[in-house]
Amino acid sequence: MGGILPLFLCVWVACCLTVACGAPVASAEEVEWTKAWQIIEKENPGLKALREAVRSAAAGMKGQAADQRVTSAVTATGSKAEGTEESTSVGLGLKYSMSLLGREKDVLRAEEFRYEKTLLGFSDARLSLYRQAATAYWSAAAGDVALAAAEEEVRRREAFLRDARLRFEQGLVPELDVIRAESALAEARHSLAAKRSLREGFEAMLKGLAGWKEISPAENVFERVELPKRTGPPNYGDIIVEHPSVLQQEAEIRRLEAILDAAGKGKSPILSLSATRNLYRGGSVSMSQPDDEWYGQATLEIPLTDGNKTKWAVEEARAGVELARADLSKVKASLMETLYTAWEDYVSAKEGYEAARKRFELVGREREIALLRYREGLTDQLDVLDAQVRYAESLADLVESKKEVLVTDAALRAAEGRVPGGVSD
C-alpha cells in the first residue's frame, strides 16, 4: 500500500499538469454524410447483433441439412465370462433414417425460410437505422449552423450594447436604450446556450448510433449539401410488393406452412438403413457374425398411435399460419400508411423551406434598412432590435426547414427501401 499511494499521487499530478498546460484533446473525426452512414452501418451495435442472428440462422439451416446425410461411427464391443474376456469385435457402421412421406424435407424448408426471414429482418432494421442516422447527422449539422449564427448574434448585440452605452454617455439616447440592449444581449446568450445543448445532444445520438465512435458532421457540410429533387410520389404498388418488411412476413408464412406440412407427417412410416463392416473379430463373436466384410439391415417403423400429439401439432401450426397471414395484411397497411405520411412530410418540408427562404430574404433586407435608418438617426433602437429579432428567427427557421427536407427525404427513402447499398437502390 505504501508504494501504491505515491504512484497514484504522481499520476494525479501529471493529469493536473496536462490539463493546466492545455494539452490537445482528441477531437471527433469530421465526415461527410456518406462516410458517416458507412461507419454507422459497420459499427452500430444493433446491426452487429442482427448479423450474429443471421449467422445463427445459417448454422441452423446447415445443421438441419446434415440430419439428412449418412452418419458413420466406429463401434467396439467386448464380452467377458467369469472375469475373462470371451470375445471382442470392432466395426465401422453407416446409418441413415428417413420418413417415407418426406417430413425431413419439410423441416429443412422451414429452416431455409427462417434464414431468409432473418436476412430480410436485417435489411428492414437497416432501413430504420438509416432514418435514425440521417436525423442525427443532419440535426447535428444544422446545429453547427445555428450555433454559429447564435454566436454571431451575441457578437452583434454586444456591439449594439457598446454603441448604446456610448450614445447614452454622449446624451443622445436615454438609459432605457441601454437596458433594452442589455436585455437583448442576455436573450441572445440564453439562445446560444440552448442551441449548444441541442447540438451536443444530436452529436451524442450520432456517436451512439456509430457504437460511440468519435464522428461529427464535416465542416460546412450543411451549407454545401444540395436538396433532393423529386418529380412525383412513390410507386406504392411496387414498393408494397418488394419492401423487406413485406418480404420478411411472407417468408414467415412460408416457414410456418412448411412446419404445418411437417406436423401433418408426424405419424409417417420411418425407414432406417444401416450397414456394418467388421474391422476386427476375436473369440466367440467371430463364429456368430457372417464372414462378409459388409452386412446390412433395414428397419421399417410404422407408428400406430402417438396420443394425439400429431393432431394438436397440426392444429397449432395451422393457427400459426393463419395468424401470420393476418399479420401480413397489417404489415402492408402499416407500410402504406408510412409511405403516405413520409411523402406528405417531404412535400410539406419542401414547401416550408421555400417559404422560409423567401421570408429570410425579405427580413434580411428589412434589417439592413433598419440599421441604415438607425445610423442616420431616422429611427429608434426598438425598430432595430425588432428587425434583428426577426432576422435571427427567420435564419433559424431557414436552417430548420432545410434540415427537415433532408430528414424527411431520408425517411421517405427508408420507407421506399432505397437506402444506399440496400435492397432496391
Foldseek 3Di string as FASTA:
>chain_A
DVVVVVVVVVVVVVVVVCVVVPPDDDAFAADALVVLLVLLCVQFPVLVVLVVVLVVLVVVLVVLVVLQDKDKDKDKDWDDDPPHTFKIFIKIKIKGKDFPVGLSVLLSLLSVLVSVLSVLVSLLVSLVLLLLLLLLALQLVLLVVLLVLLVVLLVVLVVVLVVVVVCVVVVNDPCVSNVVSVVLNVVSVVSNVVSVVSSVVSLVSSCNSSVNRRYHHHPCSLVPDDFDDDDDADPLVVLLVQRSLLVSLVSVLSSLVSQLVSLLCPQTKMKMKMKMAIPDIDHPVVVVDDPDRMDMDMDIDGDDDDPCPSVVSNVVSVVSNVVSVVVSVVSSVVLVVLRVVLVVQLVVLVVQLVVLVVQLVVLVVLLVVQVVCVVVVNDDPVSNSVSSVSNSVSVSSNSVSSSSNSSSVSSNCSSSSNDVVGDPD
